[in-house]
Amino acid sequence: MERYEMAELLSQKAGVSLEEARQALEENDWDMLDAMVALERAHKTADGGVHVETGGEDAPGVKPVKNTGSDGPGLFSNGFAALWDYVKKLFRILLDNDFVVLRHDKQIMAFPVLVLVVLLFASFGLMLVVLLAGLFLDCKYHFAGRQLGQEGVNAAMDKVSDLAGNIKQSIQNAGEDKHDDQ
């Protein structure tokens, strides 16, 4: 890396002018880490400084880490940001995939999986009865979409539909046998 590029990078990372970065590098024999520490000690960095952490004997070298003022809030905000990213991805999956209701291989309705999840949370018992009743009325349930509309997921849904069909058939056969006995 050329000296100008080093000064430009240090200027960006430390939030100082290009001249201050070049001067800090010259005073520290063009060592980027030493120059960053010197700027931080002189309170010239834009973000209030950097925290320098040594890796100890196991990890060679030193890595700069942005200082958040104290470890607690930084860890909390980083954890919350990661949790928020996960929640956003989950909602995106629930919105991008559809729950499809089929009867005799014709689509009756389709709606985002998020709607199904909300309905299940709002009234689990009622939704369970409706879904089971649908199975016994020859309905099949599938998922459509990139994440959930995969063959394995829909094959499991088909097995449940087949099981409901077998139970329905055995109930009908038992009723016919009972009717024949009379």
C-alpha atoms as a PDB file:
ATOM      1  CA  MET A   1       0.000   0.000   0.000  1.00  0.00           C
ATOM      2  CA  GLU A   2       1.373   3.395  -0.947  1.00  0.00           C
ATOM      3  CA  ARG A   3       1.933   6.004   1.710  1.00  0.00           C
ATOM      4  CA  TYR A   4      -0.785   8.239   0.274  1.00  0.00           C
ATOM      5  CA  GLU A   5      -3.286   5.344   0.412  1.00  0.00           C
ATOM      6  CA  MET A   6      -2.236   4.617   3.997  1.00  0.00           C
ATOM      7  CA  ALA A   7      -2.780   8.249   4.976  1.00  0.00           C
ATOM      8  CA  GLU A   8      -6.138   8.286   3.187  1.00  0.00           C
ATOM      9  CA  LEU A   9      -7.273   5.105   4.935  1.00  0.00           C
ATOM     10  CA  LEU A  10      -6.160   6.353   8.343  1.00  0.00           C
ATOM     11  CA  SER A  11      -7.893   9.662   7.679  1.00  0.00           C
ATOM     12  CA  GLN A  12     -11.152   7.847   6.939  1.00  0.00           C
ATOM     13  CA  LYS A  13     -10.924   5.407   9.842  1.00  0.00           C
ATOM     14  CA  ALA A  14      -9.899   7.967  12.459  1.00  0.00           C
ATOM     15  CA  GLY A  15     -12.040  10.793  11.126  1.00  0.00           C
ATOM     16  CA  VAL A  16      -9.133  13.218  10.863  1.00  0.00           C
ATOM     17  CA  SER A  17      -7.818  15.344   8.031  1.00  0.00           C
ATOM     18  CA  LEU A  18      -5.480  13.830   5.469  1.00  0.00           C
ATOM     19  CA  GLU A  19      -2.658  16.066   6.734  1.00  0.00           C
ATOM     20  CA  GLU A  20      -3.144  14.927  10.366  1.00  0.00           C
ATOM     21  CA  ALA A  21      -3.167  11.299   9.244  1.00  0.00           C
ATOM     22  CA  ARG A  22       0.013  11.736   7.176  1.00  0.00           C
ATOM     23  CA  GLN A  23       1.756  13.483  10.068  1.00  0.00           C
ATOM     24  CA  ALA A  24       0.769  10.723  12.533  1.00  0.00           C
ATOM     25  CA  LEU A  25       2.042   8.070  10.132  1.00  0.00           C
ATOM     26  CA  GLU A  26       5.369   9.879   9.620  1.00  0.00           C
ATOM     27  CA  GLU A  27       5.849  10.235  13.386  1.00  0.00           C
ATOM     28  CA  ASN A  28       5.234   6.506  13.842  1.00  0.00           C
ATOM     29  CA  ASP A  29       7.413   5.192  10.981  1.00  0.00           C
ATOM     30  CA  TRP A  30       4.346   4.571   8.801  1.00  0.00           C
ATOM     31  CA  ASP A  31       2.908   2.015  11.208  1.00  0.00           C
ATOM     32  CA  MET A  32      -0.872   2.250  10.834  1.00  0.00           C
ATOM     33  CA  LEU A  33      -1.753   0.923  14.295  1.00  0.00           C
ATOM     34  CA  ASP A  34       0.777   3.097  16.114  1.00  0.00           C
ATOM     35  CA  ALA A  35      -0.459   6.146  14.180  1.00  0.00           C
ATOM     36  CA  MET A  36      -4.074   5.347  15.132  1.00  0.00           C
ATOM     37  CA  VAL A  37      -3.110   5.010  18.809  1.00  0.00           C
ATOM     38  CA  ALA A  38      -1.171   8.296  18.664  1.00  0.00           C
ATOM     39  CA  LEU A  39      -4.208  10.071  17.176  1.00  0.00           C
ATOM     40  CA  GLU A  40      -6.436   8.595  19.851  1.00  0.00           C
ATOM     41  CA  ARG A  41      -4.087   9.673  22.635  1.00  0.00           C
ATOM     42  CA  ALA A  42      -4.059  13.179  21.174  1.00  0.00           C
ATOM     43  CA  HIS A  43      -7.909  13.070  21.194  1.00  0.00           C
ATOM     44  CA  LYS A  44      -8.030  13.770  17.485  1.00  0.00           C
ATOM     45  CA  THR A  45     -10.208  10.848  16.409  1.00  0.00           C
ATOM     46  CA  ALA A  46     -13.793  11.622  15.407  1.00  0.00           C
ATOM     47  CA  ASP A  47     -15.485   8.766  17.294  1.00  0.00           C
ATOM     48  CA  GLY A  48     -13.890   9.433  20.651  1.00  0.00           C
ATOM     49  CA  GLY A  49     -11.082   6.999  20.117  1.00  0.00           C
ATOM     50  CA  VAL A  50     -10.441   3.372  19.546  1.00  0.00           C
ATOM     51  CA  HIS A  51      -9.968   0.556  21.969  1.00  0.00           C
ATOM     52  CA  VAL A  52      -6.912  -1.550  21.245  1.00  0.00           C
ATOM     53  CA  GLU A  53      -7.157  -5.180  22.242  1.00  0.00           C
ATOM     54  CA  THR A  54      -4.211  -7.553  22.204  1.00  0.00           C
ATOM     55  CA  GLY A  55      -4.804 -11.136  21.268  1.00  0.00           C
ATOM     56  CA  GLY A  56      -2.506 -12.504  23.987  1.00  0.00           C
ATOM     57  CA  GLU A  57      -0.208 -15.446  23.331  1.00  0.00           C
ATOM     58  CA  ASP A  58      -2.757 -17.445  21.366  1.00  0.00           C
ATOM     59  CA  ALA A  59      -3.565 -14.802  18.773  1.00  0.00           C
ATOM     60  CA  PRO A  60      -0.695 -12.976  17.117  1.00  0.00           C
ATOM     61  CA  GLY A  61      -1.032  -9.303  16.418  1.00  0.00           C
ATOM     62  CA  VAL A  62      -3.247  -6.511  17.563  1.00  0.00           C
ATOM     63  CA  LYS A  63      -6.613  -5.489  16.211  1.00  0.00           C
ATOM     64  CA  PRO A  64      -8.317  -2.096  16.575  1.00  0.00           C
ATOM     65  CA  VAL A  65     -11.880  -2.155  17.863  1.00  0.00           C
ATOM     66  CA  LYS A  66     -14.253   0.794  17.877  1.00  0.00           C
ATOM     67  CA  ASN A  67     -14.759   2.164  21.349  1.00  0.00           C
ATOM     68  CA  THR A  68     -18.400   2.474  22.399  1.00  0.00           C
ATOM     69  CA  GLY A  69     -17.649   4.290  25.649  1.00  0.00           C
ATOM     70  CA  SER A  70     -18.241   1.228  27.821  1.00  0.00           C
ATOM     71  CA  ASP A  71     -18.592  -2.461  27.118  1.00  0.00           C
ATOM     72  CA  GLY A  72     -22.186  -2.834  28.395  1.00  0.00           C
ATOM     73  CA  PRO A  73     -24.143  -0.568  26.038  1.00  0.00           C
ATOM     74  CA  GLY A  74     -22.019  -1.601  23.059  1.00  0.00           C
ATOM     75  CA  LEU A  75     -22.698  -5.263  23.656  1.00  0.00           C
ATOM     76  CA  PHE A  76     -26.386  -4.568  24.225  1.00  0.00           C
ATOM     77  CA  SER A  77     -26.770  -2.473  21.093  1.00  0.00           C
ATOM     78  CA  ASN A  78     -24.844  -5.015  19.009  1.00  0.00           C
ATOM     79  CA  GLY A  79     -26.968  -7.846  20.390  1.00  0.00           C
ATOM     80  CA  PHE A  80     -30.154  -5.902  19.795  1.00  0.00           C
ATOM     81  CA  ALA A  81     -29.068  -5.070  16.249  1.00  0.00           C
ATOM     82  CA  ALA A  82     -28.377  -8.750  15.556  1.00  0.00           C
ATOM     83  CA  LEU A  83     -31.748  -9.729  17.037  1.00  0.00           C
ATOM     84  CA  TRP A  84     -33.497  -7.054  14.995  1.00  0.00           C
ATOM     85  CA  ASP A  85     -31.802  -8.310  11.802  1.00  0.00           C
ATOM     86  CA  TYR A  86     -32.972 -11.843  12.595  1.00  0.00           C
ATOM     87  CA  VAL A  87     -36.553 -10.661  13.197  1.00  0.00           C
ATOM     88  CA  LYS A  88     -36.529  -8.737   9.904  1.00  0.00           C
ATOM     89  CA  LYS A  89     -35.311 -11.818   8.027  1.00  0.00           C
ATOM     90  CA  LEU A  90     -37.975 -13.959   9.684  1.00  0.00           C
ATOM     91  CA  PHE A  91     -40.738 -11.504   8.748  1.00  0.00           C
ATOM     92  CA  ARG A  92     -39.397 -11.339   5.193  1.00  0.00           C
ATOM     93  CA  ILE A  93     -39.595 -15.149   4.937  1.00  0.00           C
ATOM     94  CA  LEU A  94     -43.118 -15.154   6.391  1.00  0.00           C
ATOM     95  CA  LEU A  95     -44.208 -12.500   3.881  1.00  0.00           C
ATOM     96  CA  ASP A  96     -42.437 -13.936   0.831  1.00  0.00           C
ATOM     97  CA  ASN A  97     -43.886 -17.452   1.217  1.00  0.00           C
ATOM     98  CA  ASP A  98     -47.543 -18.375   0.840  1.00  0.00           C
ATOM     99  CA  PHE A  99     -49.774 -20.929   2.548  1.00  0.00           C
ATOM    100  CA  VAL A 100     -51.839 -22.527  -0.207  1.00  0.00           C
ATOM    101  CA  VAL A 101     -55.110 -24.440   0.251  1.00  0.00           C
ATOM    102  CA  LEU A 102     -55.909 -26.949  -2.515  1.00  0.00           C
ATOM    103  CA  ARG A 103     -59.003 -29.067  -3.052  1.00  0.00           C
ATOM    104  CA  HIS A 104     -59.042 -31.714  -5.770  1.00  0.00           C
ATOM    105  CA  ASP A 105     -55.759 -30.222  -7.036  1.00  0.00           C
ATOM    106  CA  LYS A 106     -57.322 -26.785  -7.572  1.00  0.00           C
ATOM    107  CA  GLN A 107     -56.170 -23.816  -5.559  1.00  0.00           C
ATOM    108  CA  ILE A 108     -58.905 -22.454  -3.322  1.00  0.00           C
ATOM    109  CA  MET A 109     -56.882 -19.746  -1.619  1.00  0.00           C
ATOM    110  CA  ALA A 110     -53.379 -18.591  -0.871  1.00  0.00           C
ATOM    111  CA  PHE A 111     -52.132 -16.049   1.644  1.00  0.00           C
ATOM    112  CA  PRO A 112     -48.803 -15.109   3.242  1.00  0.00           C
ATOM    113  CA  VAL A 113     -47.555 -17.483   5.937  1.00  0.00           C
ATOM    114  CA  LEU A 114     -47.474 -14.488   8.295  1.00  0.00           C
ATOM    115  CA  VAL A 115     -51.294 -14.438   8.224  1.00  0.00           C
ATOM    116  CA  LEU A 116     -51.368 -18.117   9.196  1.00  0.00           C
ATOM    117  CA  VAL A 117     -48.944 -17.519  12.065  1.00  0.00           C
ATOM    118  CA  VAL A 118     -50.966 -14.562  13.349  1.00  0.00           C
ATOM    119  CA  LEU A 119     -54.203 -16.564  13.161  1.00  0.00           C
ATOM    120  CA  LEU A 120     -52.590 -19.484  14.985  1.00  0.00           C
ATOM    121  CA  PHE A 121     -51.393 -17.199  17.773  1.00  0.00           C
ATOM    122  CA  ALA A 122     -54.720 -15.367  17.978  1.00  0.00           C
ATOM    123  CA  SER A 123     -56.923 -18.458  18.128  1.00  0.00           C
ATOM    124  CA  PHE A 124     -54.938 -21.671  18.113  1.00  0.00           C
ATOM    125  CA  GLY A 125     -57.833 -23.982  18.989  1.00  0.00           C
ATOM    126  CA  LEU A 126     -60.176 -22.613  16.347  1.00  0.00           C
ATOM    127  CA  MET A 127     -57.492 -22.665  13.646  1.00  0.00           C
ATOM    128  CA  LEU A 128     -56.552 -26.241  14.535  1.00  0.00           C
ATOM    129  CA  VAL A 129     -60.192 -27.337  14.147  1.00  0.00           C
ATOM    130  CA  VAL A 130     -60.519 -25.473  10.818  1.00  0.00           C
ATOM    131  CA  LEU A 131     -57.305 -26.984   9.440  1.00  0.00           C
ATOM    132  CA  LEU A 132     -58.266 -30.511  10.542  1.00  0.00           C
ATOM    133  CA  ALA A 133     -61.792 -30.108   9.136  1.00  0.00           C
ATOM    134  CA  GLY A 134     -60.243 -29.012   5.848  1.00  0.00           C
ATOM    135  CA  LEU A 135     -58.175 -32.191   5.739  1.00  0.00           C
ATOM    136  CA  PHE A 136     -61.310 -34.310   6.128  1.00  0.00           C
ATOM    137  CA  LEU A 137     -63.015 -32.279   3.378  1.00  0.00           C
ATOM    138  CA  ASP A 138     -60.280 -33.344   0.910  1.00  0.00           C
ATOM    139  CA  CYS A 139     -58.247 -30.146   1.239  1.00  0.00           C
ATOM    140  CA  LYS A 140     -54.482 -30.237   0.975  1.00  0.00           C
ATOM    141  CA  TYR A 141     -52.126 -27.637   2.329  1.00  0.00           C
ATOM    142  CA  HIS A 142     -48.899 -26.564   0.647  1.00  0.00           C
ATOM    143  CA  PHE A 143     -46.341 -23.839   0.960  1.00  0.00           C
ATOM    144  CA  ALA A 144     -45.264 -21.778  -2.040  1.00  0.00           C
ATOM    145  CA  GLY A 145     -42.173 -19.639  -2.100  1.00  0.00           C
ATOM    146  CA  ARG A 146     -38.424 -19.846  -2.248  1.00  0.00           C
ATOM    147  CA  GLN A 147     -37.752 -20.762   1.383  1.00  0.00           C
ATOM    148  CA  LEU A 148     -40.764 -22.864   2.381  1.00  0.00           C
ATOM    149  CA  GLY A 149     -42.056 -24.101  -0.989  1.00  0.00           C
ATOM    150  CA  GLN A 150     -39.513 -26.893  -1.160  1.00  0.00           C
ATOM    151  CA  GLU A 151     -40.268 -30.475  -2.078  1.00  0.00           C
ATOM    152  CA  GLY A 152     -39.476 -31.884   1.361  1.00  0.00           C
ATOM    153  CA  VAL A 153     -41.822 -29.514   3.182  1.00  0.00           C
ATOM    154  CA  ASN A 154     -44.697 -30.122   0.777  1.00  0.00           C
ATOM    155  CA  ALA A 155     -44.074 -33.891   0.793  1.00  0.00           C
ATOM    156  CA  ALA A 156     -44.569 -33.849   4.580  1.00  0.00           C
ATOM    157  CA  MET A 157     -47.772 -31.847   4.101  1.00  0.00           C
ATOM    158  CA  ASP A 158     -48.963 -34.440   1.554  1.00  0.00           C
ATOM    159  CA  LYS A 159     -48.284 -37.258   4.037  1.00  0.00           C
ATOM    160  CA  VAL A 160     -50.511 -35.524   6.600  1.00  0.00           C
ATOM    161  CA  SER A 161     -53.234 -35.123   3.956  1.00  0.00           C
ATOM    162  CA  ASP A 162     -52.917 -38.806   3.013  1.00  0.00           C
ATOM    163  CA  LEU A 163     -53.138 -39.816   6.674  1.00  0.00           C
ATOM    164  CA  ALA A 164     -56.339 -37.786   7.071  1.00  0.00           C
ATOM    165  CA  GLY A 165     -57.706 -39.403   3.900  1.00  0.00           C
ATOM    166  CA  ASN A 166     -56.911 -42.883   5.258  1.00  0.00           C
ATOM    167  CA  ILE A 167     -58.622 -42.094   8.573  1.00  0.00           C
ATOM    168  CA  LYS A 168     -61.654 -40.753   6.698  1.00  0.00           C
ATOM    169  CA  GLN A 169     -61.756 -43.880   4.515  1.00  0.00           C
ATOM    170  CA  SER A 170     -61.504 -46.224   7.497  1.00  0.00           C
ATOM    171  CA  ILE A 171     -64.341 -44.354   9.245  1.00  0.00           C
ATOM    172  CA  GLN A 172     -66.476 -44.649   6.104  1.00  0.00           C
ATOM    173  CA  ASN A 173     -65.651 -48.369   5.779  1.00  0.00           C
ATOM    174  CA  ALA A 174     -66.519 -48.952   9.436  1.00  0.00           C
ATOM    175  CA  GLY A 175     -69.850 -47.171   8.919  1.00  0.00           C
ATOM    176  CA  GLU A 176     -70.619 -49.248   5.827  1.00  0.00           C
ATOM    177  CA  ASP A 177     -69.726 -52.481   7.650  1.00  0.00           C
ATOM    178  CA  LYS A 178     -71.977 -51.524  10.542  1.00  0.00           C
ATOM    179  CA  HIS A 179     -74.787 -50.664   8.106  1.00  0.00           C
ATOM    180  CA  ASP A 180     -74.342 -54.006   6.281  1.00  0.00           C
ATOM    181  CA  ASP A 181     -74.595 -55.924   9.588  1.00  0.00           C
ATOM    182  CA  GLN A 182     -78.062 -54.528  10.292  1.00  0.00           C
END
